[in-house]
Amino acid sequence: MNNTKYIIIIFFILTSCQKHKIYFDTKIQKVVSCNNLPINSLEVDNDSIKADGFPYEGGFLFVWQGDTELIPSDFSFNNIPKEYRCTKGGILYKSKIKLKPNCRYTVKKSGNGLNPHVIKIWTDKRGIVYKTTHPECIDNEGTPEEWSK
């Protein structure tokens, strides 16, 4: 029984320093895990507001439902593996996901008791991500002031 306590304590010490650091690679159009931790869940919220004052769409939540040994450490909106279960506004969503044009999104990776990590991405008139707060792995978890415009 005492050995179990030590194993649990060591596990928490080793994982407490890890974070869900992610970035968005605009060349390959993917969310990428900086430390190769699997992306078992990802929240995506469209922060943009239409002219009538309402949001463009509800948030998406992607949760891996397949073999845990196969969870990828990157995520493409253009080619989402079927093992991800997607909900939009809390309702199961089975349609193809396409980022809206000329919008700003918040992307959040969390889970497994680790600290969440948030990045922002912006799409062009075709719905392609052209700008991000995190174009590479950086330690800054905040949003740089120049990107918030």
C-alpha atoms as a PDB file:
ATOM      1  CA  MET A   1       0.000   0.000   0.000  1.00  0.00           C
ATOM      2  CA  ASN A   2       2.831   2.427   0.815  1.00  0.00           C
ATOM      3  CA  ASN A   3       4.428   1.810  -2.592  1.00  0.00           C
ATOM      4  CA  THR A   4       1.178   2.849  -4.267  1.00  0.00           C
ATOM      5  CA  LYS A   5       1.245   6.172  -2.422  1.00  0.00           C
ATOM      6  CA  TYR A   6       4.793   6.849  -3.587  1.00  0.00           C
ATOM      7  CA  ILE A   7       3.955   5.990  -7.184  1.00  0.00           C
ATOM      8  CA  ILE A   8       0.970   8.343  -7.131  1.00  0.00           C
ATOM      9  CA  ILE A   9       3.045  11.147  -5.588  1.00  0.00           C
ATOM     10  CA  ILE A  10       5.817  10.685  -8.173  1.00  0.00           C
ATOM     11  CA  PHE A  11       3.242  10.688 -10.978  1.00  0.00           C
ATOM     12  CA  PHE A  12       1.765  14.001  -9.803  1.00  0.00           C
ATOM     13  CA  ILE A  13       5.204  15.564  -9.400  1.00  0.00           C
ATOM     14  CA  LEU A  14       6.205  14.555 -12.929  1.00  0.00           C
ATOM     15  CA  THR A  15       2.970  15.701 -14.564  1.00  0.00           C
ATOM     16  CA  SER A  16       2.487  18.899 -12.573  1.00  0.00           C
ATOM     17  CA  CYS A  17       5.247  20.659 -14.527  1.00  0.00           C
ATOM     18  CA  GLN A  18       3.779  19.781 -17.905  1.00  0.00           C
ATOM     19  CA  LYS A  19       1.362  22.062 -19.676  1.00  0.00           C
ATOM     20  CA  HIS A  20      -0.823  21.797 -22.723  1.00  0.00           C
ATOM     21  CA  LYS A  21       1.349  24.103 -24.820  1.00  0.00           C
ATOM     22  CA  ILE A  22       0.109  24.301 -28.380  1.00  0.00           C
ATOM     23  CA  TYR A  23       0.705  26.472 -31.404  1.00  0.00           C
ATOM     24  CA  PHE A  24      -0.873  26.873 -34.834  1.00  0.00           C
ATOM     25  CA  ASP A  25       1.330  26.160 -37.841  1.00  0.00           C
ATOM     26  CA  THR A  26      -0.121  28.327 -40.637  1.00  0.00           C
ATOM     27  CA  LYS A  27       1.944  26.540 -43.319  1.00  0.00           C
ATOM     28  CA  ILE A  28       0.399  23.135 -42.632  1.00  0.00           C
ATOM     29  CA  GLN A  29      -2.838  24.543 -41.123  1.00  0.00           C
ATOM     30  CA  LYS A  30      -2.659  22.487 -37.928  1.00  0.00           C
ATOM     31  CA  VAL A  31      -2.830  22.911 -34.177  1.00  0.00           C
ATOM     32  CA  VAL A  32       0.348  21.248 -32.899  1.00  0.00           C
ATOM     33  CA  SER A  33       1.268  20.105 -29.386  1.00  0.00           C
ATOM     34  CA  CYS A  34       4.634  21.588 -28.359  1.00  0.00           C
ATOM     35  CA  ASN A  35       5.539  18.720 -26.048  1.00  0.00           C
ATOM     36  CA  ASN A  36       3.969  15.914 -28.116  1.00  0.00           C
ATOM     37  CA  LEU A  37       1.192  15.406 -25.574  1.00  0.00           C
ATOM     38  CA  PRO A  38      -1.808  13.880 -27.339  1.00  0.00           C
ATOM     39  CA  ILE A  39      -4.635  16.227 -28.256  1.00  0.00           C
ATOM     40  CA  ASN A  40      -7.450  14.245 -26.657  1.00  0.00           C
ATOM     41  CA  SER A  41      -9.738  17.274 -26.417  1.00  0.00           C
ATOM     42  CA  LEU A  42      -9.854  20.683 -28.042  1.00  0.00           C
ATOM     43  CA  GLU A  43     -12.299  23.567 -27.577  1.00  0.00           C
ATOM     44  CA  VAL A  44     -12.797  25.978 -30.482  1.00  0.00           C
ATOM     45  CA  ASP A  45     -14.880  29.134 -30.083  1.00  0.00           C
ATOM     46  CA  ASN A  46     -15.624  31.683 -32.792  1.00  0.00           C
ATOM     47  CA  ASP A  47     -15.105  35.048 -31.068  1.00  0.00           C
ATOM     48  CA  SER A  48     -16.454  37.107 -33.970  1.00  0.00           C
ATOM     49  CA  ILE A  49     -19.770  38.932 -33.847  1.00  0.00           C
ATOM     50  CA  LYS A  50     -22.073  39.493 -36.836  1.00  0.00           C
ATOM     51  CA  ALA A  51     -23.354  42.972 -37.747  1.00  0.00           C
ATOM     52  CA  ASP A  52     -26.609  42.225 -35.900  1.00  0.00           C
ATOM     53  CA  GLY A  53     -24.661  41.715 -32.659  1.00  0.00           C
ATOM     54  CA  PHE A  54     -25.033  37.929 -32.489  1.00  0.00           C
ATOM     55  CA  PRO A  55     -22.178  35.402 -32.588  1.00  0.00           C
ATOM     56  CA  TYR A  56     -21.464  33.559 -35.839  1.00  0.00           C
ATOM     57  CA  GLU A  57     -21.802  30.096 -34.319  1.00  0.00           C
ATOM     58  CA  GLY A  58     -21.679  28.060 -31.136  1.00  0.00           C
ATOM     59  CA  GLY A  59     -18.427  26.636 -29.855  1.00  0.00           C
ATOM     60  CA  PHE A  60     -17.050  23.268 -30.935  1.00  0.00           C
ATOM     61  CA  LEU A  61     -15.678  20.626 -28.601  1.00  0.00           C
ATOM     62  CA  PHE A  62     -13.615  17.778 -30.020  1.00  0.00           C
ATOM     63  CA  VAL A  63     -13.036  14.751 -27.782  1.00  0.00           C
ATOM     64  CA  TRP A  64     -11.077  11.653 -28.826  1.00  0.00           C
ATOM     65  CA  GLN A  65     -13.223   8.505 -28.555  1.00  0.00           C
ATOM     66  CA  GLY A  66     -10.845   5.962 -30.129  1.00  0.00           C
ATOM     67  CA  ASP A  67      -7.861   3.930 -28.972  1.00  0.00           C
ATOM     68  CA  THR A  68      -5.898   6.098 -26.521  1.00  0.00           C
ATOM     69  CA  GLU A  69      -2.623   4.809 -27.987  1.00  0.00           C
ATOM     70  CA  LEU A  70      -3.526   6.468 -31.315  1.00  0.00           C
ATOM     71  CA  ILE A  71      -4.386  10.007 -30.170  1.00  0.00           C
ATOM     72  CA  PRO A  72      -2.516  12.420 -32.444  1.00  0.00           C
ATOM     73  CA  SER A  73      -0.383  15.325 -31.198  1.00  0.00           C
ATOM     74  CA  ASP A  74      -1.621  17.596 -33.986  1.00  0.00           C
ATOM     75  CA  PHE A  75      -5.074  18.579 -35.219  1.00  0.00           C
ATOM     76  CA  SER A  76      -6.207  19.735 -38.657  1.00  0.00           C
ATOM     77  CA  PHE A  77      -9.626  21.276 -39.266  1.00  0.00           C
ATOM     78  CA  ASN A  78      -9.315  20.078 -42.879  1.00  0.00           C
ATOM     79  CA  ASN A  79      -8.896  16.405 -41.985  1.00  0.00           C
ATOM     80  CA  ILE A  80     -10.439  15.523 -38.626  1.00  0.00           C
ATOM     81  CA  PRO A  81     -10.048  11.827 -37.731  1.00  0.00           C
ATOM     82  CA  LYS A  82     -13.359  10.018 -37.276  1.00  0.00           C
ATOM     83  CA  GLU A  83     -12.329   9.078 -33.725  1.00  0.00           C
ATOM     84  CA  TYR A  84     -12.969  12.640 -32.585  1.00  0.00           C
ATOM     85  CA  ARG A  85     -16.498  13.172 -31.310  1.00  0.00           C
ATOM     86  CA  CYS A  86     -17.577  16.709 -32.107  1.00  0.00           C
ATOM     87  CA  THR A  87     -20.256  18.662 -30.298  1.00  0.00           C
ATOM     88  CA  LYS A  88     -21.407  22.161 -31.204  1.00  0.00           C
ATOM     89  CA  GLY A  89     -23.165  24.068 -28.467  1.00  0.00           C
ATOM     90  CA  GLY A  90     -23.411  20.802 -26.518  1.00  0.00           C
ATOM     91  CA  ILE A  91     -25.172  18.906 -29.363  1.00  0.00           C
ATOM     92  CA  LEU A  92     -23.535  16.099 -31.350  1.00  0.00           C
ATOM     93  CA  TYR A  93     -22.347  17.599 -34.651  1.00  0.00           C
ATOM     94  CA  LYS A  94     -21.836  15.322 -37.653  1.00  0.00           C
ATOM     95  CA  SER A  95     -21.385  17.830 -40.474  1.00  0.00           C
ATOM     96  CA  LYS A  96     -18.008  18.702 -41.956  1.00  0.00           C
ATOM     97  CA  ILE A  97     -16.241  21.416 -39.941  1.00  0.00           C
ATOM     98  CA  LYS A  98     -15.180  24.508 -41.847  1.00  0.00           C
ATOM     99  CA  LEU A  99     -13.768  27.616 -40.228  1.00  0.00           C
ATOM    100  CA  LYS A 100     -15.786  30.710 -41.135  1.00  0.00           C
ATOM    101  CA  PRO A 101     -14.149  33.436 -43.229  1.00  0.00           C
ATOM    102  CA  ASN A 102     -12.868  36.656 -41.656  1.00  0.00           C
ATOM    103  CA  CYS A 103     -13.227  35.433 -38.078  1.00  0.00           C
ATOM    104  CA  ARG A 104     -11.176  35.151 -34.904  1.00  0.00           C
ATOM    105  CA  TYR A 105     -11.214  31.893 -32.925  1.00  0.00           C
ATOM    106  CA  THR A 106     -10.065  30.893 -29.457  1.00  0.00           C
ATOM    107  CA  VAL A 107      -8.528  27.408 -29.358  1.00  0.00           C
ATOM    108  CA  LYS A 108      -8.071  25.758 -25.952  1.00  0.00           C
ATOM    109  CA  LYS A 109      -6.357  22.480 -25.108  1.00  0.00           C
ATOM    110  CA  SER A 110      -7.036  21.097 -21.643  1.00  0.00           C
ATOM    111  CA  GLY A 111      -7.614  17.878 -19.741  1.00  0.00           C
ATOM    112  CA  ASN A 112      -5.739  15.256 -17.737  1.00  0.00           C
ATOM    113  CA  GLY A 113      -5.480  17.619 -14.757  1.00  0.00           C
ATOM    114  CA  LEU A 114      -2.921  19.817 -16.540  1.00  0.00           C
ATOM    115  CA  ASN A 115      -3.121  23.584 -16.915  1.00  0.00           C
ATOM    116  CA  PRO A 116      -5.054  24.593 -20.068  1.00  0.00           C
ATOM    117  CA  HIS A 117      -3.411  26.515 -22.902  1.00  0.00           C
ATOM    118  CA  VAL A 118      -5.216  29.061 -25.067  1.00  0.00           C
ATOM    119  CA  ILE A 119      -4.250  30.452 -28.468  1.00  0.00           C
ATOM    120  CA  LYS A 120      -6.043  32.752 -30.923  1.00  0.00           C
ATOM    121  CA  ILE A 121      -6.277  32.241 -34.680  1.00  0.00           C
ATOM    122  CA  TRP A 122      -7.624  34.498 -37.450  1.00  0.00           C
ATOM    123  CA  THR A 123      -9.086  33.391 -40.791  1.00  0.00           C
ATOM    124  CA  ASP A 124      -8.979  35.160 -44.147  1.00  0.00           C
ATOM    125  CA  LYS A 125     -11.827  35.588 -46.648  1.00  0.00           C
ATOM    126  CA  ARG A 126     -11.538  31.860 -47.582  1.00  0.00           C
ATOM    127  CA  GLY A 127     -11.582  30.558 -44.004  1.00  0.00           C
ATOM    128  CA  ILE A 128      -7.824  29.804 -44.038  1.00  0.00           C
ATOM    129  CA  VAL A 129      -5.867  30.633 -40.877  1.00  0.00           C
ATOM    130  CA  TYR A 130      -3.384  33.384 -41.728  1.00  0.00           C
ATOM    131  CA  LYS A 131      -2.482  34.731 -38.262  1.00  0.00           C
ATOM    132  CA  THR A 132      -2.106  33.355 -34.743  1.00  0.00           C
ATOM    133  CA  THR A 133      -0.928  34.430 -31.312  1.00  0.00           C
ATOM    134  CA  HIS A 134       1.272  31.336 -31.208  1.00  0.00           C
ATOM    135  CA  PRO A 135       2.982  30.608 -34.575  1.00  0.00           C
ATOM    136  CA  GLU A 136       5.527  28.475 -32.736  1.00  0.00           C
ATOM    137  CA  CYS A 137       6.076  27.041 -29.260  1.00  0.00           C
ATOM    138  CA  ILE A 138       6.426  29.979 -26.898  1.00  0.00           C
ATOM    139  CA  ASP A 139       6.331  30.183 -23.129  1.00  0.00           C
ATOM    140  CA  ASN A 140       3.983  33.159 -23.061  1.00  0.00           C
ATOM    141  CA  GLU A 141       0.515  31.885 -22.182  1.00  0.00           C
ATOM    142  CA  GLY A 142      -1.104  35.278 -22.580  1.00  0.00           C
ATOM    143  CA  THR A 143      -2.171  36.982 -25.776  1.00  0.00           C
ATOM    144  CA  PRO A 144       0.319  39.568 -27.031  1.00  0.00           C
ATOM    145  CA  GLU A 145      -1.284  43.023 -27.186  1.00  0.00           C
ATOM    146  CA  GLU A 146      -0.670  43.510 -30.917  1.00  0.00           C
ATOM    147  CA  TRP A 147      -2.653  40.332 -31.746  1.00  0.00           C
ATOM    148  CA  SER A 148      -5.797  41.328 -29.897  1.00  0.00           C
ATOM    149  CA  LYS A 149      -6.838  43.817 -32.607  1.00  0.00           C
END
